[in-house]
């Protein structure tokens, strides 16, 4: 074989839409360079399929730089594949061996219906974010950023939480399809900074309510979400959200009584 290129067998989930039954189809990926990304490998397979007059494999992608979270695929039983801390678009084919069989599926969650093949509808995440509302501050004249003093620890934790790209790997990794890691990262990102403190209680109540309405399951406490998150978002966010939720519920009950 020239240049150490690989021949691989792909078993890919094909499904017309959320109402149709899906099935695995087998494809041959020939002469794949180990330097290609997983998505580039799919591009090559799709070009081949199109040239043969066959239907290409539908998958989501956008930035291809690990920023947008679109490239969600369940590869050999793991969200975003065998490597930790990377998205599918950052996964290189050198992570596999010549002759390997690779099984590729979409995210499996009732709250993420299949659009087609490997592409799922993650608008449930957008609706949870919308439920969180906005940060309403009577701004007056814009203040210098360095006039609002924020403790370094708070800023660091908020920044880490803000690294969440909303890809949904946490949901795909969870046996209950829980969205707790995603929602808690967004709650932390918004509530730890002074600008977000005003709506803090309403926000956590509304986002959790929307999460439940979307049909995500309960947290299992097994930590698969943190292990599979491409941005290594910490489970501490879930604990923080639970505390905020309990406080908000307590305060609301006091007001209602």
C-alpha atoms as a PDB file:
ATOM      1  CA  UNK A   1       0.000   0.000   0.000  1.00  0.00           C
ATOM      2  CA  UNK A   2       1.369   3.385  -0.937  1.00  0.00           C
ATOM      3  CA  UNK A   3       2.108   6.104   1.650  1.00  0.00           C
ATOM      4  CA  UNK A   4       0.630   4.040   4.476  1.00  0.00           C
ATOM      5  CA  UNK A   5      -2.918   4.723   3.294  1.00  0.00           C
ATOM      6  CA  UNK A   6      -5.699   2.685   4.893  1.00  0.00           C
ATOM      7  CA  UNK A   7      -8.671   0.682   3.698  1.00  0.00           C
ATOM      8  CA  UNK A   8     -11.553   0.677   6.168  1.00  0.00           C
ATOM      9  CA  UNK A   9     -15.025  -0.792   6.464  1.00  0.00           C
ATOM     10  CA  UNK A  10     -17.708   1.632   7.644  1.00  0.00           C
ATOM     11  CA  UNK A  11     -20.998   0.551   9.151  1.00  0.00           C
ATOM     12  CA  UNK A  12     -23.069   3.724   9.020  1.00  0.00           C
ATOM     13  CA  UNK A  13     -26.578   4.353  10.322  1.00  0.00           C
ATOM     14  CA  UNK A  14     -28.895   5.364   7.465  1.00  0.00           C
ATOM     15  CA  UNK A  15     -32.315   6.827   8.270  1.00  0.00           C
ATOM     16  CA  UNK A  16     -34.507   8.938   5.964  1.00  0.00           C
ATOM     17  CA  UNK A  17     -36.127  10.974   8.748  1.00  0.00           C
ATOM     18  CA  UNK A  18     -37.313  10.673  12.330  1.00  0.00           C
ATOM     19  CA  UNK A  19     -40.424   8.680  11.367  1.00  0.00           C
ATOM     20  CA  UNK A  20     -38.733   6.067   9.179  1.00  0.00           C
ATOM     21  CA  UNK A  21     -36.957   3.022  10.542  1.00  0.00           C
ATOM     22  CA  UNK A  22     -33.186   3.204  10.202  1.00  0.00           C
ATOM     23  CA  UNK A  23     -30.588   0.507   9.481  1.00  0.00           C
ATOM     24  CA  UNK A  24     -26.844   0.055   9.189  1.00  0.00           C
ATOM     25  CA  UNK A  25     -25.324   0.181   5.705  1.00  0.00           C
ATOM     26  CA  UNK A  26     -21.805  -1.036   4.956  1.00  0.00           C
ATOM     27  CA  UNK A  27     -19.382   1.119   2.944  1.00  0.00           C
ATOM     28  CA  UNK A  28     -15.764   0.678   1.932  1.00  0.00           C
ATOM     29  CA  UNK A  29     -13.446   3.614   2.542  1.00  0.00           C
ATOM     30  CA  UNK A  30     -10.427   3.047   0.289  1.00  0.00           C
ATOM     31  CA  UNK A  31      -6.988   4.695   0.258  1.00  0.00           C
ATOM     32  CA  UNK A  32      -7.648   6.887   3.271  1.00  0.00           C
ATOM     33  CA  UNK A  33      -4.703   9.009   4.385  1.00  0.00           C
ATOM     34  CA  UNK A  34      -3.980   8.766   8.142  1.00  0.00           C
ATOM     35  CA  UNK A  35      -3.639  12.576   8.126  1.00  0.00           C
ATOM     36  CA  UNK A  36      -7.266  13.110   7.106  1.00  0.00           C
ATOM     37  CA  UNK A  37      -9.837  14.104   9.689  1.00  0.00           C
ATOM     38  CA  UNK A  38     -12.822  11.822  10.215  1.00  0.00           C
ATOM     39  CA  UNK A  39     -15.024  14.259   8.281  1.00  0.00           C
ATOM     40  CA  UNK A  40     -12.569  14.444   5.383  1.00  0.00           C
ATOM     41  CA  UNK A  41     -12.699  10.650   5.235  1.00  0.00           C
ATOM     42  CA  UNK A  42     -16.510  10.919   4.967  1.00  0.00           C
ATOM     43  CA  UNK A  43     -16.125  13.539   2.224  1.00  0.00           C
ATOM     44  CA  UNK A  44     -14.040  11.051   0.218  1.00  0.00           C
ATOM     45  CA  UNK A  45     -16.612   8.270   0.725  1.00  0.00           C
ATOM     46  CA  UNK A  46     -19.451  10.621  -0.270  1.00  0.00           C
ATOM     47  CA  UNK A  47     -17.651  11.762  -3.442  1.00  0.00           C
ATOM     48  CA  UNK A  48     -17.251   8.111  -4.379  1.00  0.00           C
ATOM     49  CA  UNK A  49     -20.955   7.405  -3.681  1.00  0.00           C
ATOM     50  CA  UNK A  50     -22.072  10.421  -5.730  1.00  0.00           C
ATOM     51  CA  UNK A  51     -19.834   9.390  -8.646  1.00  0.00           C
ATOM     52  CA  UNK A  52     -21.536   5.953  -8.539  1.00  0.00           C
ATOM     53  CA  UNK A  53     -24.964   7.602  -8.606  1.00  0.00           C
ATOM     54  CA  UNK A  54     -25.666   6.547  -5.016  1.00  0.00           C
ATOM     55  CA  UNK A  55     -27.000   8.610  -2.146  1.00  0.00           C
ATOM     56  CA  UNK A  56     -24.315  10.232   0.038  1.00  0.00           C
ATOM     57  CA  UNK A  57     -24.255   9.893   3.822  1.00  0.00           C
ATOM     58  CA  UNK A  58     -25.875  12.900   5.510  1.00  0.00           C
ATOM     59  CA  UNK A  59     -23.908  14.375   8.407  1.00  0.00           C
ATOM     60  CA  UNK A  60     -23.686  17.746  10.114  1.00  0.00           C
ATOM     61  CA  UNK A  61     -20.625  19.982   9.986  1.00  0.00           C
ATOM     62  CA  UNK A  62     -19.777  23.633   9.951  1.00  0.00           C
ATOM     63  CA  UNK A  63     -16.561  25.090  11.343  1.00  0.00           C
ATOM     64  CA  UNK A  64     -14.432  21.914  11.254  1.00  0.00           C
ATOM     65  CA  UNK A  65     -12.274  23.500  13.955  1.00  0.00           C
ATOM     66  CA  UNK A  66     -13.845  22.083  17.115  1.00  0.00           C
ATOM     67  CA  UNK A  67     -15.818  25.240  17.873  1.00  0.00           C
ATOM     68  CA  UNK A  68     -19.389  24.790  16.598  1.00  0.00           C
ATOM     69  CA  UNK A  69     -20.376  21.359  17.955  1.00  0.00           C
ATOM     70  CA  UNK A  70     -22.162  20.342  14.741  1.00  0.00           C
ATOM     71  CA  UNK A  71     -20.035  17.296  13.830  1.00  0.00           C
ATOM     72  CA  UNK A  72     -21.694  15.017  16.356  1.00  0.00           C
ATOM     73  CA  UNK A  73     -21.200  11.334  15.580  1.00  0.00           C
ATOM     74  CA  UNK A  74     -21.212   8.261  17.791  1.00  0.00           C
ATOM     75  CA  UNK A  75     -18.120   6.367  16.664  1.00  0.00           C
ATOM     76  CA  UNK A  76     -17.385   2.818  17.855  1.00  0.00           C
ATOM     77  CA  UNK A  77     -19.600   3.331  20.881  1.00  0.00           C
ATOM     78  CA  UNK A  78     -18.238   6.729  21.937  1.00  0.00           C
ATOM     79  CA  UNK A  79     -19.432  10.274  21.232  1.00  0.00           C
ATOM     80  CA  UNK A  80     -16.889  11.960  18.911  1.00  0.00           C
ATOM     81  CA  UNK A  81     -14.870   8.712  18.750  1.00  0.00           C
ATOM     82  CA  UNK A  82     -11.996   7.081  20.638  1.00  0.00           C
ATOM     83  CA  UNK A  83      -9.994  10.157  21.634  1.00  0.00           C
ATOM     84  CA  UNK A  84     -10.745  12.284  24.698  1.00  0.00           C
ATOM     85  CA  UNK A  85     -11.130  16.065  24.495  1.00  0.00           C
ATOM     86  CA  UNK A  86     -11.710  16.313  20.742  1.00  0.00           C
ATOM     87  CA  UNK A  87     -14.707  16.747  18.467  1.00  0.00           C
ATOM     88  CA  UNK A  88     -15.284  14.468  15.459  1.00  0.00           C
ATOM     89  CA  UNK A  89     -13.825  17.078  13.082  1.00  0.00           C
ATOM     90  CA  UNK A  90     -10.579  17.084  15.124  1.00  0.00           C
ATOM     91  CA  UNK A  91     -10.318  13.285  15.136  1.00  0.00           C
ATOM     92  CA  UNK A  92      -7.672  12.055  12.703  1.00  0.00           C
ATOM     93  CA  UNK A  93      -7.738   8.785  10.840  1.00  0.00           C
ATOM     94  CA  UNK A  94      -4.384   7.833  12.385  1.00  0.00           C
ATOM     95  CA  UNK A  95      -6.480   6.985  15.464  1.00  0.00           C
ATOM     96  CA  UNK A  96      -7.595   3.892  13.494  1.00  0.00           C
ATOM     97  CA  UNK A  97      -5.725   1.005  11.856  1.00  0.00           C
ATOM     98  CA  UNK A  98      -5.731  -0.314   8.307  1.00  0.00           C
ATOM     99  CA  UNK A  99      -8.494  -2.885   7.952  1.00  0.00           C
ATOM    100  CA  UNK A 100     -10.550  -1.583  10.907  1.00  0.00           C
ATOM    101  CA  UNK A 101     -14.334  -1.679  10.898  1.00  0.00           C
ATOM    102  CA  UNK A 102     -15.789   1.589  12.205  1.00  0.00           C
ATOM    103  CA  UNK A 103     -19.394   1.800  13.387  1.00  0.00           C
ATOM    104  CA  UNK A 104     -20.932   5.287  13.062  1.00  0.00           C
ATOM    105  CA  UNK A 105     -24.287   6.289  14.546  1.00  0.00           C
ATOM    106  CA  UNK A 106     -26.183   9.498  15.287  1.00  0.00           C
ATOM    107  CA  UNK A 107     -26.792  10.778  18.828  1.00  0.00           C
ATOM    108  CA  UNK A 108     -29.496   8.525  20.287  1.00  0.00           C
ATOM    109  CA  UNK A 109     -31.980  10.546  22.313  1.00  0.00           C
ATOM    110  CA  UNK A 110     -35.720  11.135  22.021  1.00  0.00           C
ATOM    111  CA  UNK A 111     -34.967  14.840  22.520  1.00  0.00           C
ATOM    112  CA  UNK A 112     -32.637  14.770  19.458  1.00  0.00           C
ATOM    113  CA  UNK A 113     -34.808  13.365  16.637  1.00  0.00           C
ATOM    114  CA  UNK A 114     -32.936  12.194  13.526  1.00  0.00           C
ATOM    115  CA  UNK A 115     -33.162  14.644  10.619  1.00  0.00           C
ATOM    116  CA  UNK A 116     -31.358  12.250   8.269  1.00  0.00           C
ATOM    117  CA  UNK A 117     -28.710   9.549   8.775  1.00  0.00           C
ATOM    118  CA  UNK A 118     -26.187  11.013  11.246  1.00  0.00           C
ATOM    119  CA  UNK A 119     -27.726  14.498  11.480  1.00  0.00           C
ATOM    120  CA  UNK A 120     -30.001  15.111  14.457  1.00  0.00           C
ATOM    121  CA  UNK A 121     -32.220  18.024  15.435  1.00  0.00           C
ATOM    122  CA  UNK A 122     -30.706  19.712  18.496  1.00  0.00           C
ATOM    123  CA  UNK A 123     -33.125  22.637  18.617  1.00  0.00           C
ATOM    124  CA  UNK A 124     -34.169  21.396  22.091  1.00  0.00           C
ATOM    125  CA  UNK A 125     -30.862  22.907  23.306  1.00  0.00           C
ATOM    126  CA  UNK A 126     -31.787  26.241  21.687  1.00  0.00           C
ATOM    127  CA  UNK A 127     -35.175  26.188  23.421  1.00  0.00           C
ATOM    128  CA  UNK A 128     -33.502  25.557  26.788  1.00  0.00           C
ATOM    129  CA  UNK A 129     -31.198  28.532  26.173  1.00  0.00           C
ATOM    130  CA  UNK A 130     -34.175  30.709  25.184  1.00  0.00           C
ATOM    131  CA  UNK A 131     -35.975  29.675  28.377  1.00  0.00           C
ATOM    132  CA  UNK A 132     -33.003  31.074  30.293  1.00  0.00           C
ATOM    133  CA  UNK A 133     -33.954  34.461  28.931  1.00  0.00           C
ATOM    134  CA  UNK A 134     -31.486  37.291  28.665  1.00  0.00           C
ATOM    135  CA  UNK A 135     -29.290  39.273  30.990  1.00  0.00           C
ATOM    136  CA  UNK A 136     -31.220  42.485  31.620  1.00  0.00           C
ATOM    137  CA  UNK A 137     -29.104  45.227  33.046  1.00  0.00           C
ATOM    138  CA  UNK A 138     -29.940  48.902  33.206  1.00  0.00           C
ATOM    139  CA  UNK A 139     -26.731  49.820  31.468  1.00  0.00           C
ATOM    140  CA  UNK A 140     -26.781  53.603  31.536  1.00  0.00           C
ATOM    141  CA  UNK A 141     -23.459  54.644  30.065  1.00  0.00           C
ATOM    142  CA  UNK A 142     -21.172  51.735  29.290  1.00  0.00           C
ATOM    143  CA  UNK A 143     -18.787  51.142  32.160  1.00  0.00           C
ATOM    144  CA  UNK A 144     -15.171  50.277  31.656  1.00  0.00           C
ATOM    145  CA  UNK A 145     -14.877  46.513  31.847  1.00  0.00           C
ATOM    146  CA  UNK A 146     -12.233  46.749  34.539  1.00  0.00           C
ATOM    147  CA  UNK A 147     -14.575  48.761  36.803  1.00  0.00           C
ATOM    148  CA  UNK A 148     -16.692  45.668  37.441  1.00  0.00           C
ATOM    149  CA  UNK A 149     -14.496  43.625  39.733  1.00  0.00           C
ATOM    150  CA  UNK A 150     -15.010  39.893  39.383  1.00  0.00           C
ATOM    151  CA  UNK A 151     -13.208  37.436  41.662  1.00  0.00           C
ATOM    152  CA  UNK A 152     -10.671  35.491  39.600  1.00  0.00           C
ATOM    153  CA  UNK A 153     -12.069  32.120  40.703  1.00  0.00           C
ATOM    154  CA  UNK A 154     -15.578  33.085  39.545  1.00  0.00           C
ATOM    155  CA  UNK A 155     -14.244  34.378  36.248  1.00  0.00           C
ATOM    156  CA  UNK A 156     -12.237  31.181  35.654  1.00  0.00           C
ATOM    157  CA  UNK A 157     -15.174  28.883  36.418  1.00  0.00           C
ATOM    158  CA  UNK A 158     -17.522  30.960  34.243  1.00  0.00           C
ATOM    159  CA  UNK A 159     -14.986  30.893  31.427  1.00  0.00           C
ATOM    160  CA  UNK A 160     -14.556  27.100  31.706  1.00  0.00           C
ATOM    161  CA  UNK A 161     -18.338  26.617  31.635  1.00  0.00           C
ATOM    162  CA  UNK A 162     -18.610  28.954  28.640  1.00  0.00           C
ATOM    163  CA  UNK A 163     -16.329  26.577  26.701  1.00  0.00           C
ATOM    164  CA  UNK A 164     -19.378  24.309  26.203  1.00  0.00           C
ATOM    165  CA  UNK A 165     -20.143  24.154  22.465  1.00  0.00           C
ATOM    166  CA  UNK A 166     -23.600  22.575  22.862  1.00  0.00           C
ATOM    167  CA  UNK A 167     -22.694  19.503  20.821  1.00  0.00           C
ATOM    168  CA  UNK A 168     -24.765  17.125  22.942  1.00  0.00           C
ATOM    169  CA  UNK A 169     -22.040  14.513  23.564  1.00  0.00           C
ATOM    170  CA  UNK A 170     -23.099  14.569  27.228  1.00  0.00           C
ATOM    171  CA  UNK A 171     -26.631  13.515  26.248  1.00  0.00           C
ATOM    172  CA  UNK A 172     -25.327  10.840  23.866  1.00  0.00           C
ATOM    173  CA  UNK A 173     -23.014   9.409  26.557  1.00  0.00           C
ATOM    174  CA  UNK A 174     -25.695   9.256  29.246  1.00  0.00           C
ATOM    175  CA  UNK A 175     -27.791   6.112  29.563  1.00  0.00           C
ATOM    176  CA  UNK A 176     -30.712   8.365  30.574  1.00  0.00           C
ATOM    177  CA  UNK A 177     -30.026  10.948  27.829  1.00  0.00           C
ATOM    178  CA  UNK A 178     -29.677  13.636  30.476  1.00  0.00           C
ATOM    179  CA  UNK A 179     -28.817  17.192  29.445  1.00  0.00           C
ATOM    180  CA  UNK A 180     -27.664  18.175  32.946  1.00  0.00           C
ATOM    181  CA  UNK A 181     -24.051  18.885  31.982  1.00  0.00           C
ATOM    182  CA  UNK A 182     -25.064  21.167  29.116  1.00  0.00           C
ATOM    183  CA  UNK A 183     -27.744  23.015  31.091  1.00  0.00           C
ATOM    184  CA  UNK A 184     -25.560  23.375  34.182  1.00  0.00           C
ATOM    185  CA  UNK A 185     -22.654  24.732  32.105  1.00  0.00           C
ATOM    186  CA  UNK A 186     -24.964  27.382  30.643  1.00  0.00           C
ATOM    187  CA  UNK A 187     -26.437  28.201  34.070  1.00  0.00           C
ATOM    188  CA  UNK A 188     -22.929  28.584  35.534  1.00  0.00           C
ATOM    189  CA  UNK A 189     -21.713  30.670  32.625  1.00  0.00           C
ATOM    190  CA  UNK A 190     -24.591  33.120  33.129  1.00  0.00           C
ATOM    191  CA  UNK A 191     -25.004  33.210  36.901  1.00  0.00           C
ATOM    192  CA  UNK A 192     -21.405  33.448  38.096  1.00  0.00           C
ATOM    193  CA  UNK A 193     -20.817  36.874  36.610  1.00  0.00           C
ATOM    194  CA  UNK A 194     -22.390  39.975  38.178  1.00  0.00           C
ATOM    195  CA  UNK A 195     -24.335  40.870  35.030  1.00  0.00           C
ATOM    196  CA  UNK A 196     -26.206  37.562  35.188  1.00  0.00           C
ATOM    197  CA  UNK A 197     -26.942  37.561  38.903  1.00  0.00           C
ATOM    198  CA  UNK A 198     -30.181  39.586  38.588  1.00  0.00           C
ATOM    199  CA  UNK A 199     -32.201  36.846  36.844  1.00  0.00           C
ATOM    200  CA  UNK A 200     -30.262  34.017  38.452  1.00  0.00           C
ATOM    201  CA  UNK A 201     -33.210  32.344  40.201  1.00  0.00           C
ATOM    202  CA  UNK A 202     -35.776  32.634  37.412  1.00  0.00           C
ATOM    203  CA  UNK A 203     -33.206  31.464  34.914  1.00  0.00           C
ATOM    204  CA  UNK A 204     -32.360  28.174  36.629  1.00  0.00           C
ATOM    205  CA  UNK A 205     -36.044  27.374  37.268  1.00  0.00           C
ATOM    206  CA  UNK A 206     -37.039  28.129  33.660  1.00  0.00           C
ATOM    207  CA  UNK A 207     -34.123  26.271  32.055  1.00  0.00           C
ATOM    208  CA  UNK A 208     -34.644  23.137  34.160  1.00  0.00           C
ATOM    209  CA  UNK A 209     -38.387  23.225  33.422  1.00  0.00           C
ATOM    210  CA  UNK A 210     -37.695  23.465  29.681  1.00  0.00           C
ATOM    211  CA  UNK A 211     -35.098  20.662  29.906  1.00  0.00           C
ATOM    212  CA  UNK A 212     -37.729  18.384  31.473  1.00  0.00           C
ATOM    213  CA  UNK A 213     -40.346  19.358  28.869  1.00  0.00           C
ATOM    214  CA  UNK A 214     -37.948  18.469  26.044  1.00  0.00           C
ATOM    215  CA  UNK A 215     -37.814  14.894  27.327  1.00  0.00           C
ATOM    216  CA  UNK A 216     -34.217  14.656  28.549  1.00  0.00           C
ATOM    217  CA  UNK A 217     -33.736  12.076  31.322  1.00  0.00           C
ATOM    218  CA  UNK A 218     -32.493  12.483  34.873  1.00  0.00           C
ATOM    219  CA  UNK A 219     -28.834  12.667  35.841  1.00  0.00           C
ATOM    220  CA  UNK A 220     -27.339   9.213  36.527  1.00  0.00           C
ATOM    221  CA  UNK A 221     -24.338  10.526  38.513  1.00  0.00           C
ATOM    222  CA  UNK A 222     -22.082   8.126  36.612  1.00  0.00           C
ATOM    223  CA  UNK A 223     -19.997  10.928  35.080  1.00  0.00           C
ATOM    224  CA  UNK A 224     -20.039   9.590  31.504  1.00  0.00           C
ATOM    225  CA  UNK A 225     -20.950  13.131  30.391  1.00  0.00           C
ATOM    226  CA  UNK A 226     -17.795  14.706  31.817  1.00  0.00           C
ATOM    227  CA  UNK A 227     -15.645  11.849  30.471  1.00  0.00           C
ATOM    228  CA  UNK A 228     -16.958  12.252  26.921  1.00  0.00           C
ATOM    229  CA  UNK A 229     -17.272  16.056  26.781  1.00  0.00           C
ATOM    230  CA  UNK A 230     -14.877  17.361  24.093  1.00  0.00           C
ATOM    231  CA  UNK A 231     -14.331  20.499  26.202  1.00  0.00           C
ATOM    232  CA  UNK A 232     -13.926  18.628  29.537  1.00  0.00           C
ATOM    233  CA  UNK A 233     -16.760  20.564  31.224  1.00  0.00           C
ATOM    234  CA  UNK A 234     -16.713  19.717  34.941  1.00  0.00           C
ATOM    235  CA  UNK A 235     -19.416  17.826  36.843  1.00  0.00           C
ATOM    236  CA  UNK A 236     -19.083  20.544  39.500  1.00  0.00           C
ATOM    237  CA  UNK A 237     -21.419  22.591  37.313  1.00  0.00           C
ATOM    238  CA  UNK A 238     -24.214  20.069  37.949  1.00  0.00           C
ATOM    239  CA  UNK A 239     -23.710  20.349  41.713  1.00  0.00           C
ATOM    240  CA  UNK A 240     -23.765  24.145  41.428  1.00  0.00           C
ATOM    241  CA  UNK A 241     -26.945  24.078  39.376  1.00  0.00           C
ATOM    242  CA  UNK A 242     -28.640  21.746  41.867  1.00  0.00           C
ATOM    243  CA  UNK A 243     -27.744  24.159  44.692  1.00  0.00           C
ATOM    244  CA  UNK A 244     -29.053  27.143  42.718  1.00  0.00           C
ATOM    245  CA  UNK A 245     -32.216  25.255  41.783  1.00  0.00           C
ATOM    246  CA  UNK A 246     -32.898  24.292  45.402  1.00  0.00           C
ATOM    247  CA  UNK A 247     -32.287  27.858  46.586  1.00  0.00           C
ATOM    248  CA  UNK A 248     -34.551  29.280  43.885  1.00  0.00           C
ATOM    249  CA  UNK A 249     -37.317  26.783  44.705  1.00  0.00           C
ATOM    250  CA  UNK A 250     -36.996  27.575  48.401  1.00  0.00           C
ATOM    251  CA  UNK A 251     -37.167  31.331  47.764  1.00  0.00           C
ATOM    252  CA  UNK A 252     -40.137  30.932  45.424  1.00  0.00           C
ATOM    253  CA  UNK A 253     -42.015  28.800  47.969  1.00  0.00           C
ATOM    254  CA  UNK A 254     -41.376  31.412  50.668  1.00  0.00           C
ATOM    255  CA  UNK A 255     -42.751  34.136  48.392  1.00  0.00           C
ATOM    256  CA  UNK A 256     -45.808  32.042  47.481  1.00  0.00           C
ATOM    257  CA  UNK A 257     -46.594  31.388  51.137  1.00  0.00           C
END
